[in-house]
């Protein structure tokens, strides 16, 4: 096991009726920015619960955060934060709203000339941030319990991430009942997203970390077990609660302690979203099997372990096939052609983007421009 430092400062408020706890968690003496997306929280009752909990607070609202939050939109929120002298941000929604809140929190007090440089430096220049709290309505990204944020820039078709300990949420409310009305596609995406987050920290090479392996495998097994139930019976509280908590544990930084990590699938996937628009989880389901096949020799030992423990199969090849079938079984396509994306064109575009930035990812740092292009050509 490798050396590591672990600290997660986020308080989790989990279960039915926990939105009411906002009244005691959100500061009352300063203006609060209520940040949300397209309005689904109005229809599912979450907005009303939040308003009731914050009836003693001064609330400034900003809606319209996109599914892939745009820099251009976030900067409008930053301007509102400065105008209204907001000192706390409450993000209500899925990972996109939470990611936007983290960027806004950092950009609102950023001393540099261009807030986009927060993304370009992956958070290295973040020296301060406003405090953030969240009410999660879409389990998927784990953003409710980590310091990560992903933001897109429409003007340049870029999608970059940053990480900072300063933007960990102070608290996150996770009420599974707030997710009952989610469209099936969103739940499917969340399952795949959580699965891929776990895999990026697990499917590398043996690192003498048996506890970490089993923690990751338990999250994977739980997702496989509850996926058909929570998709088929969206109001089944226990299944939805297990899915919601699995998605948080998949990326609250615990699984990655002391082990090598990959993240090549995510970086390639970000470029596919930036260029072509598929949802983040949709790109992960396409790319991840390709990464495994491309790196089969280096990943074989861990693939075989994963296959035995999660799927009951013996070979690395069978483990890859069974994973891809799981995605298909829950209605998630695994090929570029499903989105009318030409693999050769995508390989050229993404490869050029990797080359221009000098990017290289993976546990061995060898998924470079040529490798990314080769992986995409495998996923026609």
Protein backbone atom coordinates (compact mmCIF):
# COMPACT_ATOMS: atom_id res chain seq x y z
CA UNK A 1 0.00 0.00 0.00
CA UNK A 2 1.24 3.47 -0.90
CA UNK A 3 1.51 6.39 1.52
CA UNK A 4 -1.57 8.59 1.70
CA UNK A 5 -3.23 11.46 3.55
CA UNK A 6 -6.96 11.20 4.08
CA UNK A 7 -9.32 13.91 5.28
CA UNK A 8 -12.95 14.37 4.35
CA UNK A 9 -14.54 17.36 6.09
CA UNK A 10 -18.03 16.97 4.59
CA UNK A 11 -20.88 16.25 7.00
CA UNK A 12 -23.39 13.85 5.47
CA UNK A 13 -27.07 14.24 6.41
CA UNK A 14 -28.66 11.09 5.02
CA UNK A 15 -32.28 10.00 4.92
CA UNK A 16 -35.92 11.05 4.73
CA UNK A 17 -36.75 14.58 5.81
CA UNK A 18 -33.15 15.67 6.24
CA UNK A 19 -33.59 18.77 4.06
CA UNK A 20 -35.14 20.39 7.13
CA UNK A 21 -31.68 20.32 8.73
CA UNK A 22 -30.63 23.17 6.42
CA UNK A 23 -32.13 25.62 8.90
CA UNK A 24 -29.37 24.81 11.40
CA UNK A 25 -26.51 24.34 8.90
CA UNK A 26 -26.78 27.39 6.62
CA UNK A 27 -25.55 30.64 8.21
CA UNK A 28 -28.32 33.15 8.93
CA UNK A 29 -26.37 36.40 9.15
CA UNK A 30 -25.11 36.56 5.55
CA UNK A 31 -26.76 36.31 2.11
CA UNK A 32 -26.99 32.79 0.68
CA UNK A 33 -26.88 31.91 -3.02
CA UNK A 34 -29.36 29.17 -3.88
CA UNK A 35 -27.99 27.53 -7.01
CA UNK A 36 -29.93 25.04 -9.11
CA UNK A 37 -30.42 23.72 -12.62
CA UNK A 38 -33.38 23.51 -14.96
CA UNK A 39 -36.26 23.55 -12.52
CA UNK A 40 -36.85 19.89 -11.69
CA UNK A 41 -36.55 20.79 -8.01
CA UNK A 42 -39.72 22.87 -8.42
CA UNK A 43 -41.65 19.86 -9.67
CA UNK A 44 -40.42 17.25 -7.20
CA UNK A 45 -41.01 19.31 -4.06
CA UNK A 46 -37.36 19.81 -3.13
CA UNK A 47 -37.44 23.56 -3.81
CA UNK A 48 -40.40 23.99 -1.46
CA UNK A 49 -38.63 22.02 1.27
CA UNK A 50 -35.50 24.13 0.87
CA UNK A 51 -37.48 27.37 1.00
CA UNK A 52 -39.25 26.25 4.16
CA UNK A 53 -35.95 25.37 5.80
CA UNK A 54 -34.45 28.74 4.80
CA UNK A 55 -37.39 30.95 5.73
CA UNK A 56 -35.22 32.84 8.22
CA UNK A 57 -32.42 33.38 5.71
CA UNK A 58 -31.77 35.98 3.05
CA UNK A 59 -31.70 33.93 -0.16
CA UNK A 60 -30.48 35.03 -3.59
CA UNK A 61 -31.42 32.60 -6.38
CA UNK A 62 -29.58 31.60 -9.54
CA UNK A 63 -31.02 28.90 -11.78
CA UNK A 64 -30.19 27.51 -15.20
CA UNK A 65 -26.99 25.56 -14.54
CA UNK A 66 -26.51 23.21 -17.48
CA UNK A 67 -26.06 19.43 -17.44
CA UNK A 68 -22.43 20.15 -18.33
CA UNK A 69 -22.00 23.44 -16.47
CA UNK A 70 -20.64 26.20 -18.67
CA UNK A 71 -18.00 28.71 -17.69
CA UNK A 72 -20.10 31.39 -19.32
CA UNK A 73 -23.08 30.65 -17.06
CA UNK A 74 -20.98 30.26 -13.94
CA UNK A 75 -19.40 33.67 -14.44
CA UNK A 76 -22.87 35.24 -14.44
CA UNK A 77 -23.44 33.61 -11.05
CA UNK A 78 -20.06 34.93 -9.87
CA UNK A 79 -21.14 38.45 -10.80
CA UNK A 80 -24.37 37.99 -8.80
CA UNK A 81 -22.44 36.68 -5.80
CA UNK A 82 -20.24 39.77 -5.81
CA UNK A 83 -23.16 42.16 -6.33
CA UNK A 84 -25.24 40.68 -3.50
CA UNK A 85 -22.24 40.10 -1.19
CA UNK A 86 -23.09 36.41 -0.90
CA UNK A 87 -21.03 34.54 1.70
CA UNK A 88 -22.43 31.01 1.39
CA UNK A 89 -23.49 28.91 -1.63
CA UNK A 90 -26.17 26.22 -1.37
CA UNK A 91 -26.21 23.95 -4.42
CA UNK A 92 -29.43 21.99 -4.93
CA UNK A 93 -29.35 19.42 -7.73
CA UNK A 94 -27.08 16.84 -9.27
CA UNK A 95 -23.35 16.77 -9.80
CA UNK A 96 -23.40 19.48 -12.44
CA UNK A 97 -24.97 22.01 -10.07
CA UNK A 98 -22.58 20.96 -7.31
CA UNK A 99 -19.57 21.26 -9.63
CA UNK A 100 -20.72 24.72 -10.71
CA UNK A 101 -21.10 25.77 -7.07
CA UNK A 102 -17.51 24.79 -6.33
CA UNK A 103 -16.17 26.75 -9.28
CA UNK A 104 -18.31 29.77 -8.41
CA UNK A 105 -17.12 29.55 -4.79
CA UNK A 106 -13.50 29.67 -5.92
CA UNK A 107 -13.95 32.17 -8.74
CA UNK A 108 -15.87 34.66 -6.56
CA UNK A 109 -12.78 35.30 -4.43
CA UNK A 110 -10.13 34.53 -7.07
CA UNK A 111 -7.38 37.16 -7.29
CA UNK A 112 -6.14 36.19 -10.75
CA UNK A 113 -7.04 37.86 -14.02
CA UNK A 114 -8.96 34.97 -15.63
CA UNK A 115 -11.02 32.47 -13.57
CA UNK A 116 -10.65 29.91 -16.38
CA UNK A 117 -7.07 29.50 -15.20
CA UNK A 118 -8.51 27.70 -12.16
CA UNK A 119 -9.37 24.90 -14.60
CA UNK A 120 -6.20 25.24 -16.64
CA UNK A 121 -4.08 24.74 -13.51
CA UNK A 122 -6.47 22.05 -12.19
CA UNK A 123 -6.95 24.07 -9.01
CA UNK A 124 -3.29 24.72 -8.17
CA UNK A 125 -3.96 28.49 -7.98
CA UNK A 126 -7.04 28.27 -5.72
CA UNK A 127 -6.11 30.07 -2.50
CA UNK A 128 -9.59 30.63 -1.06
CA UNK A 129 -13.24 29.81 -1.65
CA UNK A 130 -16.65 30.61 -0.25
CA UNK A 131 -18.20 27.81 1.81
CA UNK A 132 -20.56 25.47 -0.02
CA UNK A 133 -23.38 23.20 1.13
CA UNK A 134 -25.37 20.82 -1.05
CA UNK A 135 -28.70 19.09 -1.38
CA UNK A 136 -28.15 16.17 -3.74
CA UNK A 137 -31.01 15.17 -6.04
CA UNK A 138 -29.13 12.99 -8.54
CA UNK A 139 -26.68 10.34 -7.28
CA UNK A 140 -23.79 9.98 -9.72
CA UNK A 141 -20.67 12.07 -9.44
CA UNK A 142 -19.75 11.95 -5.74
CA UNK A 143 -19.35 15.73 -5.91
CA UNK A 144 -21.33 15.99 -2.69
CA UNK A 145 -18.32 14.68 -0.73
CA UNK A 146 -15.17 15.66 -2.60
CA UNK A 147 -13.23 18.68 -3.81
CA UNK A 148 -13.60 18.00 -7.53
CA UNK A 149 -15.33 20.10 -10.18
CA UNK A 150 -15.66 19.79 -13.95
CA UNK A 151 -16.56 22.83 -16.07
CA UNK A 152 -17.03 23.26 -19.83
CA UNK A 153 -16.26 26.27 -21.98
CA UNK A 154 -18.58 26.69 -24.94
CA UNK A 155 -16.38 29.17 -26.76
CA UNK A 156 -13.49 26.71 -27.13
CA UNK A 157 -15.25 23.33 -26.82
CA UNK A 158 -13.16 22.48 -23.77
CA UNK A 159 -14.05 20.53 -20.64
CA UNK A 160 -11.57 20.70 -17.76
CA UNK A 161 -11.51 19.76 -14.10
CA UNK A 162 -10.03 21.17 -10.95
CA UNK A 163 -9.54 19.82 -7.46
CA UNK A 164 -9.10 21.73 -4.21
CA UNK A 165 -9.52 20.86 -0.55
CA UNK A 166 -11.02 24.35 -0.17
CA UNK A 167 -14.20 23.43 -2.06
CA UNK A 168 -15.21 20.29 -0.20
CA UNK A 169 -18.84 20.89 0.82
CA UNK A 170 -19.30 21.80 4.47
CA UNK A 171 -22.31 19.48 4.47
CA UNK A 172 -24.42 17.51 2.02
CA UNK A 173 -28.04 16.43 2.39
CA UNK A 174 -28.82 13.05 0.80
CA UNK A 175 -32.53 12.22 0.88
CA UNK A 176 -33.26 9.24 -1.38
CA UNK A 177 -36.92 10.28 -1.71
CA UNK A 178 -35.80 13.40 -3.58
CA UNK A 179 -34.61 11.12 -6.40
CA UNK A 180 -37.84 9.14 -6.90
CA UNK A 181 -39.03 11.28 -9.83
CA UNK A 182 -35.76 11.14 -11.77
CA UNK A 183 -36.05 10.02 -15.41
CA UNK A 184 -34.78 6.50 -15.98
CA UNK A 185 -31.93 7.78 -18.14
CA UNK A 186 -30.57 9.90 -15.29
CA UNK A 187 -30.59 6.95 -12.90
CA UNK A 188 -28.91 4.75 -15.51
CA UNK A 189 -26.24 7.42 -16.00
CA UNK A 190 -25.70 7.69 -12.26
CA UNK A 191 -25.17 3.94 -11.90
CA UNK A 192 -22.57 3.92 -14.68
CA UNK A 193 -20.89 7.04 -13.33
CA UNK A 194 -20.50 5.54 -9.86
CA UNK A 195 -19.32 2.24 -11.35
CA UNK A 196 -16.67 4.02 -13.43
CA UNK A 197 -15.49 6.16 -10.52
CA UNK A 198 -14.90 3.02 -8.49
CA UNK A 199 -13.11 1.32 -11.36
CA UNK A 200 -10.74 4.22 -11.99
CA UNK A 201 -9.41 3.76 -8.45
CA UNK A 202 -9.46 -0.05 -8.52
CA UNK A 203 -8.74 -1.48 -11.96
CA UNK A 204 -5.00 -0.79 -12.21
CA UNK A 205 -2.49 -3.34 -10.84
CA UNK A 206 -2.14 -5.21 -7.53
CA UNK A 207 -0.77 -2.84 -4.87
CA UNK A 208 -0.88 -4.90 -1.67
CA UNK A 209 -4.01 -3.08 -0.56
CA UNK A 210 -6.54 -5.87 0.14
CA UNK A 211 -8.90 -3.71 2.20
CA UNK A 212 -9.08 -1.04 -0.51
CA UNK A 213 -9.75 -3.73 -3.10
CA UNK A 214 -12.59 -5.20 -1.09
CA UNK A 215 -14.09 -1.79 -0.35
CA UNK A 216 -14.16 -1.07 -4.08
CA UNK A 217 -15.52 -4.52 -4.90
CA UNK A 218 -18.32 -4.09 -2.36
CA UNK A 219 -19.40 -0.85 -4.03
CA UNK A 220 -19.33 -2.55 -7.44
CA UNK A 221 -21.30 -5.56 -6.17
CA UNK A 222 -23.88 -3.30 -4.55
CA UNK A 223 -24.36 -1.30 -7.75
CA UNK A 224 -24.80 -4.51 -9.76
CA UNK A 225 -27.29 -5.82 -7.20
CA UNK A 226 -29.46 -2.73 -6.83
CA UNK A 227 -29.30 -1.41 -10.41
CA UNK A 228 -32.21 -3.45 -11.83
CA UNK A 229 -34.31 -2.85 -8.71
CA UNK A 230 -33.85 0.91 -8.54
CA UNK A 231 -34.40 1.22 -12.31
CA UNK A 232 -37.46 -1.00 -12.28
CA UNK A 233 -38.95 0.25 -9.00
CA UNK A 234 -37.88 3.89 -8.63
CA UNK A 235 -39.85 4.37 -5.41
CA UNK A 236 -38.18 1.43 -3.66
CA UNK A 237 -36.54 3.38 -0.85
CA UNK A 238 -33.99 0.77 0.22
CA UNK A 239 -32.68 0.19 -3.32
CA UNK A 240 -32.50 3.90 -4.05
CA UNK A 241 -30.80 4.59 -0.72
CA UNK A 242 -28.16 1.91 -1.41
CA UNK A 243 -27.55 3.34 -4.88
CA UNK A 244 -27.29 6.89 -3.51
CA UNK A 245 -24.81 5.96 -0.79
CA UNK A 246 -22.78 3.82 -3.20
CA UNK A 247 -22.39 6.79 -5.54
CA UNK A 248 -21.09 8.92 -2.66
CA UNK A 249 -18.63 6.28 -1.47
CA UNK A 250 -17.42 5.74 -5.02
CA UNK A 251 -15.76 9.16 -5.05
CA UNK A 252 -15.51 10.59 -1.53
CA UNK A 253 -11.72 9.97 -1.81
CA UNK A 254 -11.75 6.91 0.49
CA UNK A 255 -11.40 4.20 -2.17
CA UNK A 256 -8.31 5.84 -3.66
CA UNK A 257 -6.28 5.90 -0.44
CA UNK A 258 -2.96 4.10 -0.85
CA UNK A 259 -3.60 2.69 -4.31
CA UNK A 260 -2.63 3.64 -7.89
CA UNK A 261 -5.37 5.30 -9.93
CA UNK A 262 -6.14 5.47 -13.63
CA UNK A 263 -8.60 8.25 -14.77
CA UNK A 264 -7.75 7.89 -18.47
CA UNK A 265 -11.35 6.90 -19.20
CA UNK A 266 -12.59 10.14 -17.66
CA UNK A 267 -10.12 12.35 -19.49
CA UNK A 268 -10.94 10.83 -22.87
CA UNK A 269 -14.63 10.95 -22.01
CA UNK A 270 -14.46 14.66 -21.18
CA UNK A 271 -13.18 15.36 -24.68
CA UNK A 272 -15.98 13.33 -26.27
CA UNK A 273 -18.53 15.38 -24.36
CA UNK A 274 -16.79 18.63 -25.29
CA UNK A 275 -16.69 17.79 -28.99
CA UNK A 276 -19.91 15.80 -29.48
CA UNK A 277 -22.18 16.31 -26.47
CA UNK A 278 -23.00 12.85 -25.04
CA UNK A 279 -23.59 12.76 -21.30
CA UNK A 280 -20.56 12.16 -19.13
CA UNK A 281 -21.66 8.66 -18.10
CA UNK A 282 -22.42 7.77 -21.71
CA UNK A 283 -18.83 8.51 -22.66
CA UNK A 284 -17.52 6.44 -19.75
CA UNK A 285 -19.45 3.36 -20.86
CA UNK A 286 -17.94 3.73 -24.34
CA UNK A 287 -14.35 4.40 -23.36
CA UNK A 288 -13.73 2.23 -20.30
CA UNK A 289 -13.88 -1.19 -22.00
CA UNK A 290 -11.59 0.22 -24.68
CA UNK A 291 -9.01 1.33 -22.10
CA UNK A 292 -9.05 -2.14 -20.57
CA UNK A 293 -8.62 -3.87 -23.91
CA UNK A 294 -5.84 -1.51 -24.96
CA UNK A 295 -4.02 -2.05 -21.65
CA UNK A 296 -4.95 -5.71 -21.31
CA UNK A 297 -1.46 -6.98 -20.49
CA UNK A 298 -0.82 -4.36 -17.80
CA UNK A 299 -4.27 -4.74 -16.27
CA UNK A 300 -4.72 -8.50 -16.64
CA UNK A 301 -4.05 -9.43 -13.00
CA UNK A 302 -6.55 -6.91 -11.66
CA UNK A 303 -9.10 -7.71 -14.37
CA UNK A 304 -8.93 -11.38 -13.42
CA UNK A 305 -9.39 -10.55 -9.73
CA UNK A 306 -12.32 -8.29 -10.57
CA UNK A 307 -13.85 -10.97 -12.78
CA UNK A 308 -13.61 -13.62 -10.07
CA UNK A 309 -14.87 -11.51 -7.21
CA UNK A 310 -17.59 -9.46 -8.85
CA UNK A 311 -18.82 -11.59 -11.76
CA UNK A 312 -17.66 -15.13 -10.98
CA UNK A 313 -15.72 -15.43 -14.26
CA UNK A 314 -12.13 -16.59 -14.71
CA UNK A 315 -10.51 -14.53 -17.44
CA UNK A 316 -9.78 -10.85 -18.02
CA UNK A 317 -11.56 -11.03 -21.35
CA UNK A 318 -14.67 -12.45 -19.71
CA UNK A 319 -14.60 -9.70 -17.08
CA UNK A 320 -14.55 -7.02 -19.80
CA UNK A 321 -17.38 -8.71 -21.69
CA UNK A 322 -19.49 -9.10 -18.56
CA UNK A 323 -19.04 -5.42 -17.67
CA UNK A 324 -20.07 -4.30 -21.12
CA UNK A 325 -23.11 -6.59 -20.96
CA UNK A 326 -24.09 -5.07 -17.60
CA UNK A 327 -24.09 -1.62 -19.17
CA UNK A 328 -26.20 -2.88 -22.06
CA UNK A 329 -28.59 -4.64 -19.68
CA UNK A 330 -29.40 -1.35 -17.95
CA UNK A 331 -29.88 0.41 -21.28
CA UNK A 332 -26.49 2.07 -21.67
CA UNK A 333 -24.90 1.93 -25.14
CA UNK A 334 -21.20 1.13 -25.26
CA UNK A 335 -20.19 2.17 -28.77
CA UNK A 336 -19.58 5.49 -30.49
CA UNK A 337 -21.89 4.49 -33.31
CA UNK A 338 -24.86 4.64 -30.91
CA UNK A 339 -24.41 8.43 -30.91
CA UNK A 340 -23.56 8.70 -34.62
CA UNK A 341 -19.96 9.58 -33.77
CA UNK A 342 -17.35 8.56 -36.32
CA UNK A 343 -14.58 6.75 -34.45
CA UNK A 344 -11.80 7.82 -36.79
CA UNK A 345 -12.80 11.47 -36.54
CA UNK A 346 -13.14 11.29 -32.75
CA UNK A 347 -9.73 9.62 -32.50
CA UNK A 348 -8.16 12.41 -34.53
CA UNK A 349 -9.83 15.21 -32.56
CA UNK A 350 -9.19 13.80 -29.11
CA UNK A 351 -5.66 12.74 -30.01
CA UNK A 352 -4.90 16.26 -31.24
CA UNK A 353 -6.32 17.77 -28.03
CA UNK A 354 -4.17 15.44 -25.88
CA UNK A 355 -1.12 16.26 -27.98
CA UNK A 356 -1.67 20.01 -27.77
CA UNK A 357 -1.81 19.86 -23.99
CA UNK A 358 0.89 17.23 -23.58
CA UNK A 359 -1.60 15.11 -21.65
CA UNK A 360 -0.85 11.59 -20.48
CA UNK A 361 -3.00 9.64 -18.03
CA UNK A 362 -3.41 6.14 -16.61
CA UNK A 363 -1.72 4.48 -13.65
CA UNK A 364 1.54 4.35 -15.62
CA UNK A 365 1.17 7.78 -17.23
CA UNK A 366 1.23 6.24 -20.69
CA UNK A 367 -2.25 7.00 -22.06
CA UNK A 368 -1.03 9.80 -24.31
CA UNK A 369 -2.36 11.23 -27.56
CA UNK A 370 -1.56 8.13 -29.62
CA UNK A 371 -3.07 5.80 -27.01
CA UNK A 372 -6.24 7.87 -26.65
CA UNK A 373 -6.71 7.79 -30.40
CA UNK A 374 -6.13 4.04 -30.54
CA UNK A 375 -8.64 3.44 -27.75
CA UNK A 376 -11.33 5.42 -29.54
CA UNK A 377 -10.73 3.55 -32.77
CA UNK A 378 -11.54 0.35 -30.81
CA UNK A 379 -14.95 1.76 -29.88
CA UNK A 380 -16.52 2.35 -33.28
